[in-house]
Amino acid sequence: MALGCFVIMPFRREYDAVFAAICDAARSAVPGEQIECRWLKDVHAAGRITDDILDSLGKATLCIADVSESNPNVMWETGYAMALGRPTILLARDVANLPFDLKVHRVLGYSLTNLAAIKPVLAEALRQTLAKCELPAAARSGAPPAARASIAVTGSMRADPAAASRRIETLLTPYLGSDSVWYCGSAGTVDECAIEFLAARGERVWAVGYDRFDCSERVRHLVAEKKAAFLDASVESLPKGIAGPHIRDLFFCVKSDLVILFWDSRSQGTGQLVRYFEDSGKNLLIGFV
């Protein structure tokens, strides 16, 4: 399964060659790994572009941002990617003239007249970035032992933490101590708050990622402290011929007896999950945060 790389650049023709160079670098970066680059310039489907941006950021393993012109839209998307904890590689044609706040980050310089030179540099940056954010094999677990029931919990990545914590306590408390296995998402506000809440109460918790790289820093610490285990949905054995928004969502649908979603009513991705689980006839509980 391909790893998602969200590319952030102005939507102008001169950046087509830069995007092509990024794709070339991604193809050669990690032998045996397919990195799929996505740039929203060629997306013309109906809907708000900000929804497409947030959805792409939520699903991306990492990001590459060209901050050459300090373009306001690029800066907004780059800041959002960093706030979500997505590893973000920065590119620029004129590194010396970047704003101060960007100069504290490592920025790869390049020239439009010699894009071939940036490809090996970017490929190495991709290798090192993925190696840094990959969860070690020793921390990844197989499927948990049989339990009385299994409950999946996930929701809006950008929900208000205080509101999410309150709703999580209210909705999950009745299910505590029921010999259940809990499957939670592995990144974002709801996932992190749910894992912390369940782990603090001695529940058996598995953080389920889209792949072995899909784990926020906060969840990574919880796994390292053995308060939760990690499961890579991309290598799990799941029934063929069943569709889902993503392999992790299919895992939740197939493996859980109940799905609990915490939704801020704005998150496009969580709204899609609500419709998916409803259409699948899954036992579903929705908590608004």
C-alpha atoms as a PDB file:
ATOM      1  CA  MET A   1       0.000   0.000   0.000  1.00  0.00           C
ATOM      2  CA  ALA A   2       1.317   3.421  -0.963  1.00  0.00           C
ATOM      3  CA  LEU A   3       2.358   5.973   1.636  1.00  0.00           C
ATOM      4  CA  GLY A   4       0.684   9.347   1.156  1.00  0.00           C
ATOM      5  CA  CYS A   5       2.790  12.467   0.624  1.00  0.00           C
ATOM      6  CA  PHE A   6       0.787  15.707   0.507  1.00  0.00           C
ATOM      7  CA  VAL A   7       2.569  18.347  -1.570  1.00  0.00           C
ATOM      8  CA  ILE A   8       1.944  22.007  -0.727  1.00  0.00           C
ATOM      9  CA  MET A   9       2.748  24.535  -3.465  1.00  0.00           C
ATOM     10  CA  PRO A  10       1.115  27.458  -5.306  1.00  0.00           C
ATOM     11  CA  PHE A  11      -1.240  26.356  -8.087  1.00  0.00           C
ATOM     12  CA  ARG A  12       0.815  27.774 -10.940  1.00  0.00           C
ATOM     13  CA  ARG A  13       2.293  26.278 -14.091  1.00  0.00           C
ATOM     14  CA  GLU A  14       5.941  26.915 -13.164  1.00  0.00           C
ATOM     15  CA  TYR A  15       5.526  24.522 -10.243  1.00  0.00           C
ATOM     16  CA  ASP A  16       4.565  21.602 -12.514  1.00  0.00           C
ATOM     17  CA  ALA A  17       8.245  20.798 -13.047  1.00  0.00           C
ATOM     18  CA  VAL A  18       8.921  21.052  -9.313  1.00  0.00           C
ATOM     19  CA  PHE A  19       6.103  18.608  -8.600  1.00  0.00           C
ATOM     20  CA  ALA A  20       7.489  16.219 -11.218  1.00  0.00           C
ATOM     21  CA  ALA A  21      10.904  16.376  -9.535  1.00  0.00           C
ATOM     22  CA  ILE A  22       9.296  15.667  -6.150  1.00  0.00           C
ATOM     23  CA  CYS A  23       7.498  12.624  -7.600  1.00  0.00           C
ATOM     24  CA  ASP A  24      10.749  11.346  -9.115  1.00  0.00           C
ATOM     25  CA  ALA A  25      12.522  11.719  -5.774  1.00  0.00           C
ATOM     26  CA  ALA A  26       9.686   9.939  -3.967  1.00  0.00           C
ATOM     27  CA  ARG A  27       9.809   6.998  -6.371  1.00  0.00           C
ATOM     28  CA  SER A  28      13.476   6.370  -5.627  1.00  0.00           C
ATOM     29  CA  ALA A  29      13.502   7.313  -1.942  1.00  0.00           C
ATOM     30  CA  VAL A  30      12.825   4.021  -0.187  1.00  0.00           C
ATOM     31  CA  PRO A  31      13.304   0.700  -2.020  1.00  0.00           C
ATOM     32  CA  GLY A  32      10.246  -1.455  -1.581  1.00  0.00           C
ATOM     33  CA  GLU A  33       8.054   1.470  -0.480  1.00  0.00           C
ATOM     34  CA  GLN A  34       5.663   3.272  -2.807  1.00  0.00           C
ATOM     35  CA  ILE A  35       5.228   6.954  -1.935  1.00  0.00           C
ATOM     36  CA  GLU A  36       2.241   8.531  -3.656  1.00  0.00           C
ATOM     37  CA  CYS A  37       2.476  12.319  -3.992  1.00  0.00           C
ATOM     38  CA  ARG A  38      -0.702  14.381  -4.123  1.00  0.00           C
ATOM     39  CA  TRP A  39      -0.978  18.029  -5.149  1.00  0.00           C
ATOM     40  CA  LEU A  40      -4.461  19.526  -5.172  1.00  0.00           C
ATOM     41  CA  LYS A  41      -3.833  21.609  -8.308  1.00  0.00           C
ATOM     42  CA  ASP A  42      -5.497  18.974 -10.486  1.00  0.00           C
ATOM     43  CA  VAL A  43      -8.492  18.268  -8.242  1.00  0.00           C
ATOM     44  CA  HIS A  44     -11.626  19.792  -9.769  1.00  0.00           C
ATOM     45  CA  ALA A  45     -14.400  17.943  -7.923  1.00  0.00           C
ATOM     46  CA  ALA A  46     -17.229  19.928  -6.340  1.00  0.00           C
ATOM     47  CA  GLY A  47     -16.760  21.050  -2.761  1.00  0.00           C
ATOM     48  CA  ARG A  48     -14.638  23.448  -0.742  1.00  0.00           C
ATOM     49  CA  ILE A  49     -10.916  23.229  -1.416  1.00  0.00           C
ATOM     50  CA  THR A  50     -10.223  23.665   2.303  1.00  0.00           C
ATOM     51  CA  ASP A  51     -12.108  20.414   2.939  1.00  0.00           C
ATOM     52  CA  ASP A  52      -9.899  18.630   0.386  1.00  0.00           C
ATOM     53  CA  ILE A  53      -6.806  20.118   2.026  1.00  0.00           C
ATOM     54  CA  LEU A  54      -7.768  19.040   5.534  1.00  0.00           C
ATOM     55  CA  ASP A  55      -8.805  15.582   4.348  1.00  0.00           C
ATOM     56  CA  SER A  56      -5.505  15.135   2.487  1.00  0.00           C
ATOM     57  CA  LEU A  57      -3.485  16.361   5.463  1.00  0.00           C
ATOM     58  CA  GLY A  58      -5.319  13.974   7.763  1.00  0.00           C
ATOM     59  CA  LYS A  59      -4.487  10.962   5.575  1.00  0.00           C
ATOM     60  CA  ALA A  60      -0.923  11.914   4.615  1.00  0.00           C
ATOM     61  CA  THR A  61       2.053  10.127   6.125  1.00  0.00           C
ATOM     62  CA  LEU A  62       4.200  13.200   5.531  1.00  0.00           C
ATOM     63  CA  CYS A  63       4.194  16.501   3.625  1.00  0.00           C
ATOM     64  CA  ILE A  64       6.484  18.467   1.334  1.00  0.00           C
ATOM     65  CA  ALA A  65       5.971  22.238   1.206  1.00  0.00           C
ATOM     66  CA  ASP A  66       7.537  24.693  -1.248  1.00  0.00           C
ATOM     67  CA  VAL A  67       7.708  27.960   0.689  1.00  0.00           C
ATOM     68  CA  SER A  68       9.711  29.852  -1.943  1.00  0.00           C
ATOM     69  CA  GLU A  69       7.362  32.834  -2.224  1.00  0.00           C
ATOM     70  CA  SER A  70       5.890  32.903   1.287  1.00  0.00           C
ATOM     71  CA  ASN A  71       2.551  32.375  -0.449  1.00  0.00           C
ATOM     72  CA  PRO A  72      -0.230  32.915   2.167  1.00  0.00           C
ATOM     73  CA  ASN A  73      -2.133  29.754   1.187  1.00  0.00           C
ATOM     74  CA  VAL A  74       1.041  27.680   1.262  1.00  0.00           C
ATOM     75  CA  MET A  75       1.975  29.129   4.645  1.00  0.00           C
ATOM     76  CA  TRP A  76      -1.475  28.330   6.060  1.00  0.00           C
ATOM     77  CA  GLU A  77      -1.371  24.731   4.825  1.00  0.00           C
ATOM     78  CA  THR A  78       2.226  24.271   6.004  1.00  0.00           C
ATOM     79  CA  GLY A  79       1.388  25.577   9.462  1.00  0.00           C
ATOM     80  CA  TYR A  80      -1.644  23.324   9.644  1.00  0.00           C
ATOM     81  CA  ALA A  81       0.414  20.293   8.626  1.00  0.00           C
ATOM     82  CA  MET A  82       2.954  21.033  11.341  1.00  0.00           C
ATOM     83  CA  ALA A  83       0.214  21.631  13.923  1.00  0.00           C
ATOM     84  CA  LEU A  84      -1.226  18.197  13.087  1.00  0.00           C
ATOM     85  CA  GLY A  85       2.189  16.698  13.723  1.00  0.00           C
ATOM     86  CA  ARG A  86       2.728  15.674  10.112  1.00  0.00           C
ATOM     87  CA  PRO A  87       6.461  15.482   9.296  1.00  0.00           C
ATOM     88  CA  THR A  88       6.962  18.297   6.780  1.00  0.00           C
ATOM     89  CA  ILE A  89       9.965  18.745   4.477  1.00  0.00           C
ATOM     90  CA  LEU A  90      10.461  22.360   3.376  1.00  0.00           C
ATOM     91  CA  LEU A  91      11.769  23.465  -0.029  1.00  0.00           C
ATOM     92  CA  ALA A  92      12.660  26.980  -1.217  1.00  0.00           C
ATOM     93  CA  ARG A  93      14.490  28.663  -4.069  1.00  0.00           C
ATOM     94  CA  ASP A  94      15.824  31.534  -1.921  1.00  0.00           C
ATOM     95  CA  VAL A  95      16.407  30.245   1.581  1.00  0.00           C
ATOM     96  CA  ALA A  96      18.205  33.403   2.747  1.00  0.00           C
ATOM     97  CA  ASN A  97      15.124  35.602   2.294  1.00  0.00           C
ATOM     98  CA  LEU A  98      12.581  33.391   4.047  1.00  0.00           C
ATOM     99  CA  PRO A  99      10.667  34.761   7.061  1.00  0.00           C
ATOM    100  CA  PHE A 100      12.434  34.342  10.401  1.00  0.00           C
ATOM    101  CA  ASP A 101      10.019  31.702  11.691  1.00  0.00           C
ATOM    102  CA  LEU A 102      10.860  29.450   8.746  1.00  0.00           C
ATOM    103  CA  LYS A 103      14.613  29.925   9.007  1.00  0.00           C
ATOM    104  CA  VAL A 104      14.667  27.981  12.270  1.00  0.00           C
ATOM    105  CA  HIS A 105      13.595  24.912  10.253  1.00  0.00           C
ATOM    106  CA  ARG A 106      15.804  22.937   7.907  1.00  0.00           C
ATOM    107  CA  VAL A 107      14.942  24.086   4.361  1.00  0.00           C
ATOM    108  CA  LEU A 108      16.235  22.403   1.202  1.00  0.00           C
ATOM    109  CA  GLY A 109      17.307  24.933  -1.419  1.00  0.00           C
ATOM    110  CA  TYR A 110      16.838  24.335  -5.139  1.00  0.00           C
ATOM    111  CA  SER A 111      16.996  26.065  -8.527  1.00  0.00           C
ATOM    112  CA  LEU A 112      14.362  25.939 -11.247  1.00  0.00           C
ATOM    113  CA  THR A 113      17.152  25.712 -13.818  1.00  0.00           C
ATOM    114  CA  ASN A 114      18.676  22.624 -12.181  1.00  0.00           C
ATOM    115  CA  LEU A 115      15.882  20.571 -10.660  1.00  0.00           C
ATOM    116  CA  ALA A 116      17.875  17.379 -11.184  1.00  0.00           C
ATOM    117  CA  ALA A 117      20.160  18.447  -8.337  1.00  0.00           C
ATOM    118  CA  ILE A 118      17.375  18.482  -5.743  1.00  0.00           C
ATOM    119  CA  LYS A 119      16.153  14.940  -6.481  1.00  0.00           C
ATOM    120  CA  PRO A 120      18.845  12.959  -4.592  1.00  0.00           C
ATOM    121  CA  VAL A 121      18.801  15.486  -1.747  1.00  0.00           C
ATOM    122  CA  LEU A 122      15.029  15.239  -1.421  1.00  0.00           C
ATOM    123  CA  ALA A 123      15.100  11.442  -1.712  1.00  0.00           C
ATOM    124  CA  GLU A 124      17.553  11.309   1.198  1.00  0.00           C
ATOM    125  CA  ALA A 125      15.378  13.711   3.207  1.00  0.00           C
ATOM    126  CA  LEU A 126      12.381  11.453   2.593  1.00  0.00           C
ATOM    127  CA  ARG A 127      14.354   8.387   3.703  1.00  0.00           C
ATOM    128  CA  GLN A 128      15.540  10.037   6.897  1.00  0.00           C
ATOM    129  CA  THR A 129      12.105  11.500   7.680  1.00  0.00           C
ATOM    130  CA  LEU A 130      10.331   8.178   7.258  1.00  0.00           C
ATOM    131  CA  ALA A 131      12.985   6.375   9.292  1.00  0.00           C
ATOM    132  CA  LYS A 132      12.503   8.899  12.099  1.00  0.00           C
ATOM    133  CA  CYS A 133       8.708   8.635  12.218  1.00  0.00           C
ATOM    134  CA  GLU A 134       8.425   4.881  11.655  1.00  0.00           C
ATOM    135  CA  LEU A 135       7.267   3.019  14.727  1.00  0.00           C
ATOM    136  CA  PRO A 136       9.931   0.389  15.565  1.00  0.00           C
ATOM    137  CA  ALA A 137       8.994  -3.196  14.793  1.00  0.00           C
ATOM    138  CA  ALA A 138       9.424  -4.096  18.455  1.00  0.00           C
ATOM    139  CA  ALA A 139       6.611  -1.689  19.348  1.00  0.00           C
ATOM    140  CA  ARG A 140       4.179  -3.066  16.777  1.00  0.00           C
ATOM    141  CA  SER A 141       1.845  -5.828  17.917  1.00  0.00           C
ATOM    142  CA  GLY A 142      -0.266  -8.398  16.200  1.00  0.00           C
ATOM    143  CA  ALA A 143      -3.966  -8.777  16.798  1.00  0.00           C
ATOM    144  CA  PRO A 144      -4.962  -8.806  20.495  1.00  0.00           C
ATOM    145  CA  PRO A 145      -6.231 -11.963  22.212  1.00  0.00           C
ATOM    146  CA  ALA A 146      -9.889 -12.881  22.102  1.00  0.00           C
ATOM    147  CA  ALA A 147     -12.117 -10.718  24.235  1.00  0.00           C
ATOM    148  CA  ARG A 148     -15.742 -10.519  25.227  1.00  0.00           C
ATOM    149  CA  ALA A 149     -16.257  -7.589  22.874  1.00  0.00           C
ATOM    150  CA  SER A 150     -14.275  -5.136  20.769  1.00  0.00           C
ATOM    151  CA  ILE A 151     -14.998  -1.429  20.544  1.00  0.00           C
ATOM    152  CA  ALA A 152     -13.503   1.003  18.009  1.00  0.00           C
ATOM    153  CA  VAL A 153     -13.086   4.674  18.906  1.00  0.00           C
ATOM    154  CA  THR A 154     -11.971   7.551  16.701  1.00  0.00           C
ATOM    155  CA  GLY A 155     -13.122  10.971  15.555  1.00  0.00           C
ATOM    156  CA  SER A 156     -12.249  14.514  14.570  1.00  0.00           C
ATOM    157  CA  MET A 157      -8.525  15.194  14.520  1.00  0.00           C
ATOM    158  CA  ARG A 158      -8.941  18.876  15.341  1.00  0.00           C
ATOM    159  CA  ALA A 159     -11.658  18.730  18.002  1.00  0.00           C
ATOM    160  CA  ASP A 160     -11.340  20.901  21.094  1.00  0.00           C
ATOM    161  CA  PRO A 161      -9.306  18.798  23.578  1.00  0.00           C
ATOM    162  CA  ALA A 162     -11.323  19.800  26.667  1.00  0.00           C
ATOM    163  CA  ALA A 163     -14.657  19.097  24.979  1.00  0.00           C
ATOM    164  CA  ALA A 164     -13.355  15.822  23.569  1.00  0.00           C
ATOM    165  CA  SER A 165     -12.088  14.656  26.974  1.00  0.00           C
ATOM    166  CA  ARG A 166     -15.445  15.399  28.635  1.00  0.00           C
ATOM    167  CA  ARG A 167     -17.464  13.559  25.995  1.00  0.00           C
ATOM    168  CA  ILE A 168     -15.050  10.625  25.948  1.00  0.00           C
ATOM    169  CA  GLU A 169     -15.421  10.176  29.711  1.00  0.00           C
ATOM    170  CA  THR A 170     -19.213  10.391  29.486  1.00  0.00           C
ATOM    171  CA  LEU A 171     -19.672   7.948  26.608  1.00  0.00           C
ATOM    172  CA  LEU A 172     -16.907   5.435  27.323  1.00  0.00           C
ATOM    173  CA  THR A 173     -17.297   5.049  31.102  1.00  0.00           C
ATOM    174  CA  PRO A 174     -20.317   2.670  30.866  1.00  0.00           C
ATOM    175  CA  TYR A 175     -18.212   0.249  28.820  1.00  0.00           C
ATOM    176  CA  LEU A 176     -15.227   0.123  31.182  1.00  0.00           C
ATOM    177  CA  GLY A 177     -14.442  -3.132  32.955  1.00  0.00           C
ATOM    178  CA  SER A 178     -16.400  -5.213  30.454  1.00  0.00           C
ATOM    179  CA  ASP A 179     -13.436  -7.329  29.289  1.00  0.00           C
ATOM    180  CA  SER A 180     -13.427  -5.465  25.989  1.00  0.00           C
ATOM    181  CA  VAL A 181     -10.573  -4.762  23.618  1.00  0.00           C
ATOM    182  CA  TRP A 182     -10.418  -1.156  22.465  1.00  0.00           C
ATOM    183  CA  TYR A 183      -9.283  -0.161  18.962  1.00  0.00           C
ATOM    184  CA  CYS A 184      -8.495   3.547  18.712  1.00  0.00           C
ATOM    185  CA  GLY A 185      -7.136   5.716  15.934  1.00  0.00           C
ATOM    186  CA  SER A 186      -3.489   6.690  16.249  1.00  0.00           C
ATOM    187  CA  ALA A 187      -3.363  10.449  15.595  1.00  0.00           C
ATOM    188  CA  GLY A 188      -5.417  13.543  16.350  1.00  0.00           C
ATOM    189  CA  THR A 189      -7.245  14.976  19.337  1.00  0.00           C
ATOM    190  CA  VAL A 190      -9.972  12.357  19.779  1.00  0.00           C
ATOM    191  CA  ASP A 191      -7.639   9.394  19.282  1.00  0.00           C
ATOM    192  CA  GLU A 192      -5.059  10.721  21.723  1.00  0.00           C
ATOM    193  CA  CYS A 193      -7.599  11.659  24.399  1.00  0.00           C
ATOM    194  CA  ALA A 194      -9.374   8.299  24.089  1.00  0.00           C
ATOM    195  CA  ILE A 195      -6.163   6.268  24.409  1.00  0.00           C
ATOM    196  CA  GLU A 196      -5.044   8.277  27.432  1.00  0.00           C
ATOM    197  CA  PHE A 197      -8.458   7.925  29.098  1.00  0.00           C
ATOM    198  CA  LEU A 198      -8.665   4.159  28.504  1.00  0.00           C
ATOM    199  CA  ALA A 199      -5.030   3.441  29.402  1.00  0.00           C
ATOM    200  CA  ALA A 200      -5.369   5.364  32.671  1.00  0.00           C
ATOM    201  CA  ARG A 201      -8.217   3.024  33.628  1.00  0.00           C
ATOM    202  CA  GLY A 202      -6.353  -0.177  32.856  1.00  0.00           C
ATOM    203  CA  GLU A 203      -8.238  -1.049  29.682  1.00  0.00           C
ATOM    204  CA  ARG A 204      -6.612  -3.047  26.862  1.00  0.00           C
ATOM    205  CA  VAL A 205      -5.982  -0.476  24.153  1.00  0.00           C
ATOM    206  CA  TRP A 206      -4.640  -0.846  20.617  1.00  0.00           C
ATOM    207  CA  ALA A 207      -3.772   2.230  18.574  1.00  0.00           C
ATOM    208  CA  VAL A 208      -4.588   1.306  14.976  1.00  0.00           C
ATOM    209  CA  GLY A 209      -2.669   3.157  12.254  1.00  0.00           C
ATOM    210  CA  TYR A 210      -3.202   3.355   8.507  1.00  0.00           C
ATOM    211  CA  ASP A 211       0.379   2.051   8.232  1.00  0.00           C
ATOM    212  CA  ARG A 212       3.459   1.669  10.426  1.00  0.00           C
ATOM    213  CA  PHE A 213       4.239   5.396  10.105  1.00  0.00           C
ATOM    214  CA  ASP A 214       0.780   6.603  11.138  1.00  0.00           C
ATOM    215  CA  CYS A 215       1.307   7.434  14.796  1.00  0.00           C
ATOM    216  CA  SER A 216       1.346  10.888  16.379  1.00  0.00           C
ATOM    217  CA  GLU A 217       4.146  11.831  18.741  1.00  0.00           C
ATOM    218  CA  ARG A 218       1.763  11.736  21.688  1.00  0.00           C
ATOM    219  CA  VAL A 219       0.547   8.225  20.849  1.00  0.00           C
ATOM    220  CA  ARG A 220       4.127   7.146  20.136  1.00  0.00           C
ATOM    221  CA  HIS A 221       5.018   8.028  23.740  1.00  0.00           C
ATOM    222  CA  LEU A 222       2.031   6.067  25.072  1.00  0.00           C
ATOM    223  CA  VAL A 223       3.113   3.017  23.072  1.00  0.00           C
ATOM    224  CA  ALA A 224       6.730   3.404  24.229  1.00  0.00           C
ATOM    225  CA  GLU A 225       5.492   3.560  27.834  1.00  0.00           C
ATOM    226  CA  LYS A 226       3.482   0.360  27.179  1.00  0.00           C
ATOM    227  CA  LYS A 227       0.221   2.065  28.009  1.00  0.00           C
ATOM    228  CA  ALA A 228      -1.091   1.027  24.589  1.00  0.00           C
ATOM    229  CA  ALA A 229      -0.093  -1.378  21.810  1.00  0.00           C
ATOM    230  CA  PHE A 230       0.167  -0.444  18.144  1.00  0.00           C
ATOM    231  CA  LEU A 231      -1.413  -2.270  15.222  1.00  0.00           C
ATOM    232  CA  ASP A 232      -0.677  -1.607  11.533  1.00  0.00           C
ATOM    233  CA  ALA A 233      -3.966  -2.028   9.669  1.00  0.00           C
ATOM    234  CA  SER A 234      -2.242  -2.262   6.284  1.00  0.00           C
ATOM    235  CA  VAL A 235      -0.827  -5.722   7.074  1.00  0.00           C
ATOM    236  CA  GLU A 236      -3.910  -7.176   8.758  1.00  0.00           C
ATOM    237  CA  SER A 237      -5.832  -9.988   7.099  1.00  0.00           C
ATOM    238  CA  LEU A 238      -9.218  -8.587   6.121  1.00  0.00           C
ATOM    239  CA  PRO A 239     -12.035  -9.930   3.909  1.00  0.00           C
ATOM    240  CA  LYS A 240     -11.664  -9.260   0.195  1.00  0.00           C
ATOM    241  CA  GLY A 241     -14.278  -7.400  -1.813  1.00  0.00           C
ATOM    242  CA  ILE A 242     -15.397  -5.101   1.014  1.00  0.00           C
ATOM    243  CA  ALA A 243     -14.861  -1.424   0.379  1.00  0.00           C
ATOM    244  CA  GLY A 244     -14.022   1.263   2.924  1.00  0.00           C
ATOM    245  CA  PRO A 245     -12.728   4.843   2.982  1.00  0.00           C
ATOM    246  CA  HIS A 246      -9.388   3.403   4.089  1.00  0.00           C
ATOM    247  CA  ILE A 247      -7.916   0.102   5.232  1.00  0.00           C
ATOM    248  CA  ARG A 248      -8.023   1.233   8.878  1.00  0.00           C
ATOM    249  CA  ASP A 249     -11.718   2.083   8.620  1.00  0.00           C
ATOM    250  CA  LEU A 250     -12.376  -1.309   7.050  1.00  0.00           C
ATOM    251  CA  PHE A 251     -10.489  -2.866   9.982  1.00  0.00           C
ATOM    252  CA  PHE A 252     -12.742  -1.039  12.454  1.00  0.00           C
ATOM    253  CA  CYS A 253     -15.827  -2.153  10.543  1.00  0.00           C
ATOM    254  CA  VAL A 254     -14.816  -5.820  10.379  1.00  0.00           C
ATOM    255  CA  LYS A 255     -13.134  -6.270  13.759  1.00  0.00           C
ATOM    256  CA  SER A 256     -15.301  -4.250  16.147  1.00  0.00           C
ATOM    257  CA  ASP A 257     -18.703  -4.977  17.658  1.00  0.00           C
ATOM    258  CA  LEU A 258     -19.362  -1.289  18.256  1.00  0.00           C
ATOM    259  CA  VAL A 259     -17.927   1.880  16.730  1.00  0.00           C
ATOM    260  CA  ILE A 260     -17.942   5.112  18.741  1.00  0.00           C
ATOM    261  CA  LEU A 261     -17.249   8.290  16.753  1.00  0.00           C
ATOM    262  CA  PHE A 262     -16.651  11.713  18.286  1.00  0.00           C
ATOM    263  CA  TRP A 263     -17.496  14.373  15.709  1.00  0.00           C
ATOM    264  CA  ASP A 264     -17.159  18.144  15.779  1.00  0.00           C
ATOM    265  CA  SER A 265     -19.801  18.306  12.950  1.00  0.00           C
ATOM    266  CA  ARG A 266     -17.220  20.062  10.727  1.00  0.00           C
ATOM    267  CA  SER A 267     -14.639  17.367  10.032  1.00  0.00           C
ATOM    268  CA  GLN A 268     -15.225  16.060   6.529  1.00  0.00           C
ATOM    269  CA  GLY A 269     -13.310  12.846   7.210  1.00  0.00           C
ATOM    270  CA  THR A 270     -15.325  11.971  10.316  1.00  0.00           C
ATOM    271  CA  GLY A 271     -18.555  12.825   8.490  1.00  0.00           C
ATOM    272  CA  GLN A 272     -17.547  10.356   5.802  1.00  0.00           C
ATOM    273  CA  LEU A 273     -16.946   7.732   8.482  1.00  0.00           C
ATOM    274  CA  VAL A 274     -20.411   8.319   9.957  1.00  0.00           C
ATOM    275  CA  ARG A 275     -21.989   7.623   6.562  1.00  0.00           C
ATOM    276  CA  TYR A 276     -19.724   4.633   5.921  1.00  0.00           C
ATOM    277  CA  PHE A 277     -20.530   2.857   9.188  1.00  0.00           C
ATOM    278  CA  GLU A 278     -24.238   3.672   8.874  1.00  0.00           C
ATOM    279  CA  ASP A 279     -24.323   2.264   5.338  1.00  0.00           C
ATOM    280  CA  SER A 280     -22.456  -0.828   6.552  1.00  0.00           C
ATOM    281  CA  GLY A 281     -25.115  -1.462   9.213  1.00  0.00           C
ATOM    282  CA  LYS A 282     -22.541  -1.186  11.971  1.00  0.00           C
ATOM    283  CA  ASN A 283     -23.530  -0.612  15.597  1.00  0.00           C
ATOM    284  CA  LEU A 284     -22.641   3.075  15.845  1.00  0.00           C
ATOM    285  CA  LEU A 285     -22.629   5.631  18.641  1.00  0.00           C
ATOM    286  CA  ILE A 286     -21.928   9.284  17.809  1.00  0.00           C
ATOM    287  CA  GLY A 287     -20.759  11.811  20.365  1.00  0.00           C
ATOM    288  CA  PHE A 288     -20.650  15.443  19.305  1.00  0.00           C
ATOM    289  CA  VAL A 289     -17.693  17.443  20.586  1.00  0.00           C
END
